[in-house]
Amino acid sequence: MSCLLGPASGTLTFHWGGDKGEGKASPRHGDHGDHGGTTSTASIRSLAAVRPNGNIVTVSTGTITDGAFKGAAVVTEVTLLASRQAACLTPQGLTSASGPTTVTITRA
């Protein structure tokens, strides 16, 4: 994902917590390992990507391709907070960002 322009697309892996139903999502490309709970892998593509005040806000849709909820539709709303904008100016670029995420999964 660019600091300046363009949509986001790719693979997300969701790591769902154990018996308590707690979940956390981690966008790790190709990570299908067991992390003490259940995982779901989704292929997503952005519908909208805007950058107000340096924050990156995307709305993406896709399908769960592997693991729990396979075949279900997924919608993600992600806001990556602009806490390290200066990294965008370096040769390495911004290598990580965090912020609030909403994930909605519906059965197909």
PDB file of N, CA and C in Angstrom:
ATOM      1  N   MET A   1       0.844  -1.173   0.000  1.00  0.00           N
ATOM      2  CA  MET A   1       0.000   0.000   0.000  1.00  0.00           C
ATOM      3  C   MET A   1       0.891   1.239   0.000  1.00  0.00           C
ATOM      4  N   SER A   2       0.561   2.185  -0.810  1.00  0.00           N
ATOM      5  CA  SER A   2       1.326   3.416  -0.916  1.00  0.00           C
ATOM      6  C   SER A   2       0.944   4.394   0.185  1.00  0.00           C
ATOM      7  N   CYS A   3       1.896   5.209   0.579  1.00  0.00           N
ATOM      8  CA  CYS A   3       1.608   6.287   1.530  1.00  0.00           C
ATOM      9  C   CYS A   3       0.778   7.382   0.883  1.00  0.00           C
ATOM     10  N   LEU A   4       0.813   7.462  -0.448  1.00  0.00           N
ATOM     11  CA  LEU A   4       0.178   8.581  -1.134  1.00  0.00           C
ATOM     12  C   LEU A   4      -1.064   8.224  -1.928  1.00  0.00           C
ATOM     13  N   LEU A   5      -1.033   7.152  -2.694  1.00  0.00           N
ATOM     14  CA  LEU A   5      -2.115   6.860  -3.629  1.00  0.00           C
ATOM     15  C   LEU A   5      -2.454   5.386  -3.664  1.00  0.00           C
ATOM     16  N   GLY A   6      -3.576   5.097  -4.286  1.00  0.00           N
ATOM     17  CA  GLY A   6      -3.895   3.727  -4.648  1.00  0.00           C
ATOM     18  C   GLY A   6      -4.648   2.922  -3.621  1.00  0.00           C
ATOM     19  N   PRO A   7      -5.280   1.862  -4.109  1.00  0.00           N
ATOM     20  CA  PRO A   7      -6.059   0.965  -3.256  1.00  0.00           C
ATOM     21  C   PRO A   7      -5.175  -0.094  -2.594  1.00  0.00           C
ATOM     22  N   ALA A   8      -5.789  -0.852  -1.742  1.00  0.00           N
ATOM     23  CA  ALA A   8      -5.110  -1.978  -1.094  1.00  0.00           C
ATOM     24  C   ALA A   8      -5.785  -3.266  -1.531  1.00  0.00           C
ATOM     25  N   SER A   9      -4.999  -4.279  -1.748  1.00  0.00           N
ATOM     26  CA  SER A   9      -5.553  -5.590  -2.038  1.00  0.00           C
ATOM     27  C   SER A   9      -4.526  -6.621  -1.622  1.00  0.00           C
ATOM     28  N   GLY A  10      -4.970  -7.839  -1.446  1.00  0.00           N
ATOM     29  CA  GLY A  10      -4.040  -8.886  -1.071  1.00  0.00           C
ATOM     30  C   GLY A  10      -4.700  -9.938  -0.209  1.00  0.00           C
ATOM     31  N   THR A  11      -3.895 -10.527   0.664  1.00  0.00           N
ATOM     32  CA  THR A  11      -4.339 -11.621   1.509  1.00  0.00           C
ATOM     33  C   THR A  11      -4.275 -11.202   2.972  1.00  0.00           C
ATOM     34  N   LEU A  12      -5.326 -11.502   3.702  1.00  0.00           N
ATOM     35  CA  LEU A  12      -5.351 -11.276   5.150  1.00  0.00           C
ATOM     36  C   LEU A  12      -5.523 -12.620   5.839  1.00  0.00           C
ATOM     37  N   THR A  13      -4.821 -12.812   6.941  1.00  0.00           N
ATOM     38  CA  THR A  13      -5.037 -13.996   7.765  1.00  0.00           C
ATOM     39  C   THR A  13      -5.568 -13.540   9.111  1.00  0.00           C
ATOM     40  N   PHE A  14      -6.720 -14.083   9.494  1.00  0.00           N
ATOM     41  CA  PHE A  14      -7.337 -13.771  10.775  1.00  0.00           C
ATOM     42  C   PHE A  14      -7.026 -14.898  11.737  1.00  0.00           C
ATOM     43  N   HIS A  15      -6.564 -14.545  12.920  1.00  0.00           N
ATOM     44  CA  HIS A  15      -6.278 -15.527  13.969  1.00  0.00           C
ATOM     45  C   HIS A  15      -7.339 -15.361  15.047  1.00  0.00           C
ATOM     46  N   TRP A  16      -8.227 -16.350  15.133  1.00  0.00           N
ATOM     47  CA  TRP A  16      -9.318 -16.299  16.091  1.00  0.00           C
ATOM     48  C   TRP A  16      -8.849 -16.932  17.386  1.00  0.00           C
ATOM     49  N   GLY A  17      -9.158 -16.293  18.510  1.00  0.00           N
ATOM     50  CA  GLY A  17      -8.755 -16.797  19.814  1.00  0.00           C
ATOM     51  C   GLY A  17      -9.363 -18.150  20.109  1.00  0.00           C
ATOM     52  N   GLY A  18      -8.902 -18.755  21.195  1.00  0.00           N
ATOM     53  CA  GLY A  18      -9.342 -20.096  21.575  1.00  0.00           C
ATOM     54  C   GLY A  18     -10.817 -20.178  21.885  1.00  0.00           C
ATOM     55  N   ASP A  19     -11.172 -20.759  23.012  1.00  0.00           N
ATOM     56  CA  ASP A  19     -12.558 -21.051  23.369  1.00  0.00           C
ATOM     57  C   ASP A  19     -13.376 -19.826  23.732  1.00  0.00           C
ATOM     58  N   LYS A  20     -12.739 -18.690  23.968  1.00  0.00           N
ATOM     59  CA  LYS A  20     -13.458 -17.515  24.448  1.00  0.00           C
ATOM     60  C   LYS A  20     -14.095 -16.714  23.324  1.00  0.00           C
ATOM     61  N   GLY A  21     -13.849 -17.103  22.070  1.00  0.00           N
ATOM     62  CA  GLY A  21     -14.434 -16.372  20.961  1.00  0.00           C
ATOM     63  C   GLY A  21     -13.730 -15.064  20.674  1.00  0.00           C
ATOM     64  N   GLU A  22     -12.592 -14.821  21.328  1.00  0.00           N
ATOM     65  CA  GLU A  22     -11.852 -13.596  21.088  1.00  0.00           C
ATOM     66  C   GLU A  22     -11.129 -13.714  19.764  1.00  0.00           C
ATOM     67  N   GLY A  23     -11.028 -12.634  19.043  1.00  0.00           N
ATOM     68  CA  GLY A  23     -10.354 -12.690  17.754  1.00  0.00           C
ATOM     69  C   GLY A  23      -9.391 -11.545  17.572  1.00  0.00           C
ATOM     70  N   LYS A  24      -8.375 -11.772  16.792  1.00  0.00           N
ATOM     71  CA  LYS A  24      -7.509 -10.689  16.368  1.00  0.00           C
ATOM     72  C   LYS A  24      -7.141 -10.965  14.926  1.00  0.00           C
ATOM     73  N   ALA A  25      -7.059  -9.920  14.153  1.00  0.00           N
ATOM     74  CA  ALA A  25      -6.714 -10.073  12.745  1.00  0.00           C
ATOM     75  C   ALA A  25      -5.292  -9.605  12.542  1.00  0.00           C
ATOM     76  N   SER A  26      -4.577 -10.326  11.727  1.00  0.00           N
ATOM     77  CA  SER A  26      -3.195  -9.992  11.448  1.00  0.00           C
ATOM     78  C   SER A  26      -2.935 -10.162   9.964  1.00  0.00           C
ATOM     79  N   PRO A  27      -2.649  -9.064   9.254  1.00  0.00           N
ATOM     80  CA  PRO A  27      -2.435  -9.195   7.817  1.00  0.00           C
ATOM     81  C   PRO A  27      -1.057  -9.744   7.495  1.00  0.00           C
ATOM     82  N   ARG A  28      -0.910 -11.055   7.562  1.00  0.00           N
ATOM     83  CA  ARG A  28       0.356 -11.718   7.277  1.00  0.00           C
ATOM     84  C   ARG A  28       0.189 -12.537   6.019  1.00  0.00           C
ATOM     85  N   HIS A  29       0.870 -12.151   4.987  1.00  0.00           N
ATOM     86  CA  HIS A  29       0.748 -12.840   3.709  1.00  0.00           C
ATOM     87  C   HIS A  29       1.272 -14.261   3.839  1.00  0.00           C
ATOM     88  N   GLY A  30       0.436 -15.211   3.471  1.00  0.00           N
ATOM     89  CA  GLY A  30       0.864 -16.604   3.414  1.00  0.00           C
ATOM     90  C   GLY A  30       0.981 -17.305   4.748  1.00  0.00           C
ATOM     91  N   ASP A  31       0.517 -16.715   5.835  1.00  0.00           N
ATOM     92  CA  ASP A  31       0.655 -17.314   7.156  1.00  0.00           C
ATOM     93  C   ASP A  31      -0.570 -18.163   7.448  1.00  0.00           C
ATOM     94  N   HIS A  32      -0.411 -19.495   7.426  1.00  0.00           N
ATOM     95  CA  HIS A  32      -1.543 -20.392   7.668  1.00  0.00           C
ATOM     96  C   HIS A  32      -1.302 -21.270   8.888  1.00  0.00           C
ATOM     97  N   GLY A  33      -0.340 -20.925   9.724  1.00  0.00           N
ATOM     98  CA  GLY A  33       0.003 -21.774  10.859  1.00  0.00           C
ATOM     99  C   GLY A  33      -1.019 -21.721  11.967  1.00  0.00           C
ATOM    100  N   ASP A  34      -0.950 -22.675  12.883  1.00  0.00           N
ATOM    101  CA  ASP A  34      -1.841 -22.739  14.032  1.00  0.00           C
ATOM    102  C   ASP A  34      -1.271 -21.850  15.126  1.00  0.00           C
ATOM    103  N   HIS A  35      -2.054 -20.894  15.576  1.00  0.00           N
ATOM    104  CA  HIS A  35      -1.613 -19.958  16.603  1.00  0.00           C
ATOM    105  C   HIS A  35      -2.445 -20.122  17.871  1.00  0.00           C
ATOM    106  N   GLY A  36      -2.792 -21.343  18.217  1.00  0.00           N
ATOM    107  CA  GLY A  36      -3.543 -21.597  19.432  1.00  0.00           C
ATOM    108  C   GLY A  36      -5.036 -21.442  19.264  1.00  0.00           C
ATOM    109  N   GLY A  37      -5.512 -21.158  18.098  1.00  0.00           N
ATOM    110  CA  GLY A  37      -6.932 -21.012  17.828  1.00  0.00           C
ATOM    111  C   GLY A  37      -7.190 -21.352  16.379  1.00  0.00           C
ATOM    112  N   THR A  38      -8.259 -20.811  15.851  1.00  0.00           N
ATOM    113  CA  THR A  38      -8.647 -21.075  14.477  1.00  0.00           C
ATOM    114  C   THR A  38      -8.181 -19.921  13.596  1.00  0.00           C
ATOM    115  N   THR A  39      -7.879 -20.206  12.338  1.00  0.00           N
ATOM    116  CA  THR A  39      -7.519 -19.146  11.402  1.00  0.00           C
ATOM    117  C   THR A  39      -8.482 -19.128  10.228  1.00  0.00           C
ATOM    118  N   SER A  40      -8.544 -17.968   9.579  1.00  0.00           N
ATOM    119  CA  SER A  40      -9.272 -17.780   8.327  1.00  0.00           C
ATOM    120  C   SER A  40      -8.370 -16.963   7.427  1.00  0.00           C
ATOM    121  N   THR A  41      -8.309 -17.314   6.147  1.00  0.00           N
ATOM    122  CA  THR A  41      -7.542 -16.547   5.178  1.00  0.00           C
ATOM    123  C   THR A  41      -8.504 -15.960   4.167  1.00  0.00           C
ATOM    124  N   ALA A  42      -8.343 -14.674   3.881  1.00  0.00           N
ATOM    125  CA  ALA A  42      -9.237 -13.978   2.949  1.00  0.00           C
ATOM    126  C   ALA A  42      -8.442 -13.301   1.853  1.00  0.00           C
ATOM    127  N   SER A  43      -9.016 -13.299   0.670  1.00  0.00           N
ATOM    128  CA  SER A  43      -8.493 -12.532  -0.456  1.00  0.00           C
ATOM    129  C   SER A  43      -9.368 -11.294  -0.564  1.00  0.00           C
ATOM    130  N   ILE A  44      -8.752 -10.091  -0.486  1.00  0.00           N
ATOM    131  CA  ILE A  44      -9.539  -8.857  -0.479  1.00  0.00           C
ATOM    132  C   ILE A  44      -9.101  -7.901  -1.574  1.00  0.00           C
ATOM    133  N   ARG A  45     -10.013  -6.984  -1.895  1.00  0.00           N
ATOM    134  CA  ARG A  45      -9.740  -5.923  -2.863  1.00  0.00           C
ATOM    135  C   ARG A  45     -10.463  -4.669  -2.390  1.00  0.00           C
ATOM    136  N   SER A  46      -9.788  -3.528  -2.453  1.00  0.00           N
ATOM    137  CA  SER A  46     -10.371  -2.273  -1.972  1.00  0.00           C
ATOM    138  C   SER A  46     -11.506  -1.771  -2.845  1.00  0.00           C
ATOM    139  N   LEU A  47     -12.517  -1.262  -2.179  1.00  0.00           N
ATOM    140  CA  LEU A  47     -13.582  -0.529  -2.853  1.00  0.00           C
ATOM    141  C   LEU A  47     -13.297   0.958  -2.792  1.00  0.00           C
ATOM    142  N   ALA A  48     -12.670   1.381  -1.688  1.00  0.00           N
ATOM    143  CA  ALA A  48     -12.344   2.792  -1.489  1.00  0.00           C
ATOM    144  C   ALA A  48     -11.075   2.890  -0.658  1.00  0.00           C
ATOM    145  N   ALA A  49     -10.238   3.867  -0.992  1.00  0.00           N
ATOM    146  CA  ALA A  49      -9.023   4.129  -0.227  1.00  0.00           C
ATOM    147  C   ALA A  49      -8.797   5.634  -0.235  1.00  0.00           C
ATOM    148  N   VAL A  50      -8.841   6.238   0.935  1.00  0.00           N
ATOM    149  CA  VAL A  50      -8.622   7.681   1.063  1.00  0.00           C
ATOM    150  C   VAL A  50      -7.558   7.920   2.123  1.00  0.00           C
ATOM    151  N   ARG A  51      -6.973   9.095   2.107  1.00  0.00           N
ATOM    152  CA  ARG A  51      -5.887   9.420   3.024  1.00  0.00           C
ATOM    153  C   ARG A  51      -6.105  10.785   3.683  1.00  0.00           C
ATOM    154  N   PRO A  52      -7.119  10.926   4.535  1.00  0.00           N
ATOM    155  CA  PRO A  52      -7.344  12.207   5.211  1.00  0.00           C
ATOM    156  C   PRO A  52      -6.290  12.460   6.288  1.00  0.00           C
ATOM    157  N   ASN A  53      -5.692  13.631   6.265  1.00  0.00           N
ATOM    158  CA  ASN A  53      -4.696  14.035   7.265  1.00  0.00           C
ATOM    159  C   ASN A  53      -3.562  13.034   7.411  1.00  0.00           C
ATOM    160  N   GLY A  54      -3.211  12.334   6.356  1.00  0.00           N
ATOM    161  CA  GLY A  54      -2.119  11.370   6.406  1.00  0.00           C
ATOM    162  C   GLY A  54      -2.518   9.989   6.877  1.00  0.00           C
ATOM    163  N   ASN A  55      -3.722   9.836   7.432  1.00  0.00           N
ATOM    164  CA  ASN A  55      -4.213   8.519   7.813  1.00  0.00           C
ATOM    165  C   ASN A  55      -4.602   7.766   6.538  1.00  0.00           C
ATOM    166  N   ILE A  56      -4.540   6.445   6.583  1.00  0.00           N
ATOM    167  CA  ILE A  56      -4.946   5.636   5.432  1.00  0.00           C
ATOM    168  C   ILE A  56      -6.225   4.901   5.825  1.00  0.00           C
ATOM    169  N   VAL A  57      -7.302   5.164   5.102  1.00  0.00           N
ATOM    170  CA  VAL A  57      -8.595   4.551   5.388  1.00  0.00           C
ATOM    171  C   VAL A  57      -9.017   3.748   4.163  1.00  0.00           C
ATOM    172  N   THR A  58      -9.275   2.457   4.358  1.00  0.00           N
ATOM    173  CA  THR A  58      -9.704   1.604   3.249  1.00  0.00           C
ATOM    174  C   THR A  58     -10.944   0.811   3.624  1.00  0.00           C
ATOM    175  N   VAL A  59     -11.776   0.587   2.644  1.00  0.00           N
ATOM    176  CA  VAL A  59     -12.907  -0.327   2.758  1.00  0.00           C
ATOM    177  C   VAL A  59     -12.688  -1.374   1.674  1.00  0.00           C
ATOM    178  N   SER A  60     -12.629  -2.643   2.078  1.00  0.00           N
ATOM    179  CA  SER A  60     -12.341  -3.725   1.141  1.00  0.00           C
ATOM    180  C   SER A  60     -13.371  -4.829   1.277  1.00  0.00           C
ATOM    181  N   THR A  61     -13.566  -5.570   0.192  1.00  0.00           N
ATOM    182  CA  THR A  61     -14.435  -6.742   0.210  1.00  0.00           C
ATOM    183  C   THR A  61     -13.658  -7.931  -0.330  1.00  0.00           C
ATOM    184  N   GLY A  62     -14.142  -9.096  -0.001  1.00  0.00           N
ATOM    185  CA  GLY A  62     -13.488 -10.293  -0.501  1.00  0.00           C
ATOM    186  C   GLY A  62     -14.198 -11.540  -0.047  1.00  0.00           C
ATOM    187  N   THR A  63     -13.454 -12.638  -0.099  1.00  0.00           N
ATOM    188  CA  THR A  63     -13.991 -13.946   0.239  1.00  0.00           C
ATOM    189  C   THR A  63     -13.002 -14.679   1.126  1.00  0.00           C
ATOM    190  N   ILE A  64     -13.525 -15.403   2.112  1.00  0.00           N
ATOM    191  CA  ILE A  64     -12.688 -16.273   2.933  1.00  0.00           C
ATOM    192  C   ILE A  64     -12.335 -17.471   2.056  1.00  0.00           C
ATOM    193  N   THR A  65     -11.031 -17.662   1.806  1.00  0.00           N
ATOM    194  CA  THR A  65     -10.582 -18.701   0.881  1.00  0.00           C
ATOM    195  C   THR A  65     -10.096 -19.970   1.571  1.00  0.00           C
ATOM    196  N   ASP A  66      -9.836 -19.886   2.902  1.00  0.00           N
ATOM    197  CA  ASP A  66      -9.303 -21.042   3.614  1.00  0.00           C
ATOM    198  C   ASP A  66      -9.600 -20.902   5.103  1.00  0.00           C
ATOM    199  N   GLY A  67      -9.764 -22.023   5.770  1.00  0.00           N
ATOM    200  CA  GLY A  67      -9.962 -22.024   7.217  1.00  0.00           C
ATOM    201  C   GLY A  67     -11.415 -21.824   7.609  1.00  0.00           C
ATOM    202  N   ALA A  68     -11.597 -21.326   8.845  1.00  0.00           N
ATOM    203  CA  ALA A  68     -12.941 -21.081   9.366  1.00  0.00           C
ATOM    204  C   ALA A  68     -13.676 -20.087   8.468  1.00  0.00           C
ATOM    205  N   PHE A  69     -14.936 -20.322   8.255  1.00  0.00           N
ATOM    206  CA  PHE A  69     -15.813 -19.474   7.441  1.00  0.00           C
ATOM    207  C   PHE A  69     -15.488 -19.528   5.942  1.00  0.00           C
ATOM    208  N   LYS A  70     -14.775 -20.559   5.483  1.00  0.00           N
ATOM    209  CA  LYS A  70     -14.413 -20.670   4.070  1.00  0.00           C
ATOM    210  C   LYS A  70     -15.649 -20.500   3.196  1.00  0.00           C
ATOM    211  N   GLY A  71     -15.542 -19.674   2.155  1.00  0.00           N
ATOM    212  CA  GLY A  71     -16.639 -19.407   1.242  1.00  0.00           C
ATOM    213  C   GLY A  71     -17.483 -18.207   1.628  1.00  0.00           C
ATOM    214  N   ALA A  72     -17.326 -17.697   2.840  1.00  0.00           N
ATOM    215  CA  ALA A  72     -18.114 -16.554   3.294  1.00  0.00           C
ATOM    216  C   ALA A  72     -17.556 -15.253   2.722  1.00  0.00           C
ATOM    217  N   ALA A  73     -18.414 -14.252   2.639  1.00  0.00           N
ATOM    218  CA  ALA A  73     -18.001 -12.917   2.208  1.00  0.00           C
ATOM    219  C   ALA A  73     -17.429 -12.163   3.404  1.00  0.00           C
ATOM    220  N   VAL A  74     -16.468 -11.278   3.135  1.00  0.00           N
ATOM    221  CA  VAL A  74     -15.865 -10.481   4.194  1.00  0.00           C
ATOM    222  C   VAL A  74     -15.763  -9.029   3.737  1.00  0.00           C
ATOM    223  N   VAL A  75     -16.038  -8.110   4.662  1.00  0.00           N
ATOM    224  CA  VAL A  75     -15.857  -6.680   4.437  1.00  0.00           C
ATOM    225  C   VAL A  75     -14.953  -6.172   5.545  1.00  0.00           C
ATOM    226  N   THR A  76     -13.900  -5.437   5.185  1.00  0.00           N
ATOM    227  CA  THR A  76     -13.013  -4.854   6.187  1.00  0.00           C
ATOM    228  C   THR A  76     -13.016  -3.340   6.051  1.00  0.00           C
ATOM    229  N   GLU A  77     -13.014  -2.673   7.186  1.00  0.00           N
ATOM    230  CA  GLU A  77     -12.844  -1.223   7.251  1.00  0.00           C
ATOM    231  C   GLU A  77     -11.618  -0.994   8.114  1.00  0.00           C
ATOM    232  N   VAL A  78     -10.563  -0.437   7.516  1.00  0.00           N
ATOM    233  CA  VAL A  78      -9.282  -0.296   8.204  1.00  0.00           C
ATOM    234  C   VAL A  78      -8.863   1.163   8.202  1.00  0.00           C
ATOM    235  N   THR A  79      -8.447   1.655   9.363  1.00  0.00           N
ATOM    236  CA  THR A  79      -7.867   2.990   9.479  1.00  0.00           C
ATOM    237  C   THR A  79      -6.455   2.828  10.030  1.00  0.00           C
ATOM    238  N   LEU A  80      -5.461   3.144   9.199  1.00  0.00           N
ATOM    239  CA  LEU A  80      -4.071   3.089   9.638  1.00  0.00           C
ATOM    240  C   LEU A  80      -3.666   4.506  10.030  1.00  0.00           C
ATOM    241  N   LEU A  81      -3.314   4.677  11.289  1.00  0.00           N
ATOM    242  CA  LEU A  81      -3.064   6.005  11.838  1.00  0.00           C
ATOM    243  C   LEU A  81      -1.697   6.540  11.415  1.00  0.00           C
ATOM    244  N   ALA A  82      -1.655   7.818  11.100  1.00  0.00           N
ATOM    245  CA  ALA A  82      -0.456   8.479  10.576  1.00  0.00           C
ATOM    246  C   ALA A  82       0.499   8.870  11.699  1.00  0.00           C
ATOM    247  N   SER A  83       1.032   7.881  12.379  1.00  0.00           N
ATOM    248  CA  SER A  83       1.939   8.178  13.493  1.00  0.00           C
ATOM    249  C   SER A  83       3.396   8.247  13.064  1.00  0.00           C
ATOM    250  N   ARG A  84       3.721   7.717  11.853  1.00  0.00           N
ATOM    251  CA  ARG A  84       5.109   7.695  11.399  1.00  0.00           C
ATOM    252  C   ARG A  84       5.202   8.131   9.939  1.00  0.00           C
ATOM    253  N   GLN A  85       4.614   9.262   9.608  1.00  0.00           N
ATOM    254  CA  GLN A  85       4.578   9.719   8.223  1.00  0.00           C
ATOM    255  C   GLN A  85       5.966   9.943   7.633  1.00  0.00           C
ATOM    256  N   ALA A  86       6.937  10.345   8.436  1.00  0.00           N
ATOM    257  CA  ALA A  86       8.287  10.597   7.925  1.00  0.00           C
ATOM    258  C   ALA A  86       8.895   9.339   7.299  1.00  0.00           C
ATOM    259  N   ALA A  87       8.464   8.152   7.740  1.00  0.00           N
ATOM    260  CA  ALA A  87       8.981   6.905   7.174  1.00  0.00           C
ATOM    261  C   ALA A  87       8.644   6.779   5.691  1.00  0.00           C
ATOM    262  N   CYS A  88       7.588   7.429   5.246  1.00  0.00           N
ATOM    263  CA  CYS A  88       7.208   7.379   3.830  1.00  0.00           C
ATOM    264  C   CYS A  88       8.275   8.012   2.944  1.00  0.00           C
ATOM    265  N   LEU A  89       9.101   8.858   3.503  1.00  0.00           N
ATOM    266  CA  LEU A  89      10.130   9.556   2.737  1.00  0.00           C
ATOM    267  C   LEU A  89      11.454   8.807   2.690  1.00  0.00           C
ATOM    268  N   THR A  90      11.575   7.710   3.395  1.00  0.00           N
ATOM    269  CA  THR A  90      12.823   6.953   3.426  1.00  0.00           C
ATOM    270  C   THR A  90      12.829   5.901   2.322  1.00  0.00           C
ATOM    271  N   PRO A  91      14.026   5.416   1.923  1.00  0.00           N
ATOM    272  CA  PRO A  91      14.083   4.361   0.900  1.00  0.00           C
ATOM    273  C   PRO A  91      13.318   3.098   1.289  1.00  0.00           C
ATOM    274  N   GLN A  92      13.322   2.748   2.576  1.00  0.00           N
ATOM    275  CA  GLN A  92      12.619   1.547   3.043  1.00  0.00           C
ATOM    276  C   GLN A  92      11.116   1.768   3.053  1.00  0.00           C
ATOM    277  N   GLY A  93      10.679   2.986   3.277  1.00  0.00           N
ATOM    278  CA  GLY A  93       9.260   3.292   3.336  1.00  0.00           C
ATOM    279  C   GLY A  93       8.635   2.894   4.664  1.00  0.00           C
ATOM    280  N   LEU A  94       7.356   3.036   4.746  1.00  0.00           N
ATOM    281  CA  LEU A  94       6.598   2.658   5.934  1.00  0.00           C
ATOM    282  C   LEU A  94       6.406   1.148   5.925  1.00  0.00           C
ATOM    283  N   THR A  95       6.986   0.458   6.905  1.00  0.00           N
ATOM    284  CA  THR A  95       6.951  -1.011   6.906  1.00  0.00           C
ATOM    285  C   THR A  95       5.826  -1.581   7.753  1.00  0.00           C
ATOM    286  N   SER A  96       5.239  -0.780   8.622  1.00  0.00           N
ATOM    287  CA  SER A  96       4.111  -1.263   9.409  1.00  0.00           C
ATOM    288  C   SER A  96       3.290  -0.070   9.880  1.00  0.00           C
ATOM    289  N   ALA A  97       2.031  -0.332  10.160  1.00  0.00           N
ATOM    290  CA  ALA A  97       1.119   0.684  10.670  1.00  0.00           C
ATOM    291  C   ALA A  97       0.022  -0.028  11.438  1.00  0.00           C
ATOM    292  N   SER A  98      -0.637   0.691  12.318  1.00  0.00           N
ATOM    293  CA  SER A  98      -1.716   0.064  13.075  1.00  0.00           C
ATOM    294  C   SER A  98      -2.852   1.051  13.252  1.00  0.00           C
ATOM    295  N   GLY A  99      -4.001   0.515  13.607  1.00  0.00           N
ATOM    296  CA  GLY A  99      -5.162   1.333  13.843  1.00  0.00           C
ATOM    297  C   GLY A  99      -6.396   0.457  13.943  1.00  0.00           C
ATOM    298  N   PRO A 100      -7.536   1.073  14.181  1.00  0.00           N
ATOM    299  CA  PRO A 100      -8.764   0.298  14.359  1.00  0.00           C
ATOM    300  C   PRO A 100      -9.221  -0.380  13.068  1.00  0.00           C
ATOM    301  N   THR A 101      -9.780  -1.571  13.230  1.00  0.00           N
ATOM    302  CA  THR A 101     -10.265  -2.377  12.100  1.00  0.00           C
ATOM    303  C   THR A 101     -11.623  -2.967  12.458  1.00  0.00           C
ATOM    304  N   THR A 102     -12.534  -2.927  11.508  1.00  0.00           N
ATOM    305  CA  THR A 102     -13.828  -3.593  11.656  1.00  0.00           C
ATOM    306  C   THR A 102     -13.913  -4.658  10.586  1.00  0.00           C
ATOM    307  N   VAL A 103     -14.245  -5.878  10.990  1.00  0.00           N
ATOM    308  CA  VAL A 103     -14.376  -6.999  10.065  1.00  0.00           C
ATOM    309  C   VAL A 103     -15.793  -7.551  10.173  1.00  0.00           C
ATOM    310  N   THR A 104     -16.463  -7.679   9.030  1.00  0.00           N
ATOM    311  CA  THR A 104     -17.800  -8.257   8.987  1.00  0.00           C
ATOM    312  C   THR A 104     -17.744  -9.481   8.068  1.00  0.00           C
ATOM    313  N   ILE A 105     -18.136 -10.637   8.604  1.00  0.00           N
ATOM    314  CA  ILE A 105     -18.149 -11.877   7.829  1.00  0.00           C
ATOM    315  C   ILE A 105     -19.581 -12.355   7.737  1.00  0.00           C
ATOM    316  N   THR A 106     -20.025 -12.624   6.503  1.00  0.00           N
ATOM    317  CA  THR A 106     -21.386 -13.125   6.297  1.00  0.00           C
ATOM    318  C   THR A 106     -21.332 -14.395   5.459  1.00  0.00           C
ATOM    319  N   ARG A 107     -22.144 -15.345   5.813  1.00  0.00           N
ATOM    320  CA  ARG A 107     -22.212 -16.601   5.060  1.00  0.00           C
ATOM    321  C   ARG A 107     -22.750 -16.352   3.673  1.00  0.00           C
ATOM    322  N   ALA A 108     -22.163 -17.024   2.707  1.00  0.00           N
ATOM    323  CA  ALA A 108     -22.597 -16.869   1.315  1.00  0.00           C
ATOM    324  C   ALA A 108     -23.876 -17.641   1.079  1.00  0.00           C
TER     325      ALA A 108
END
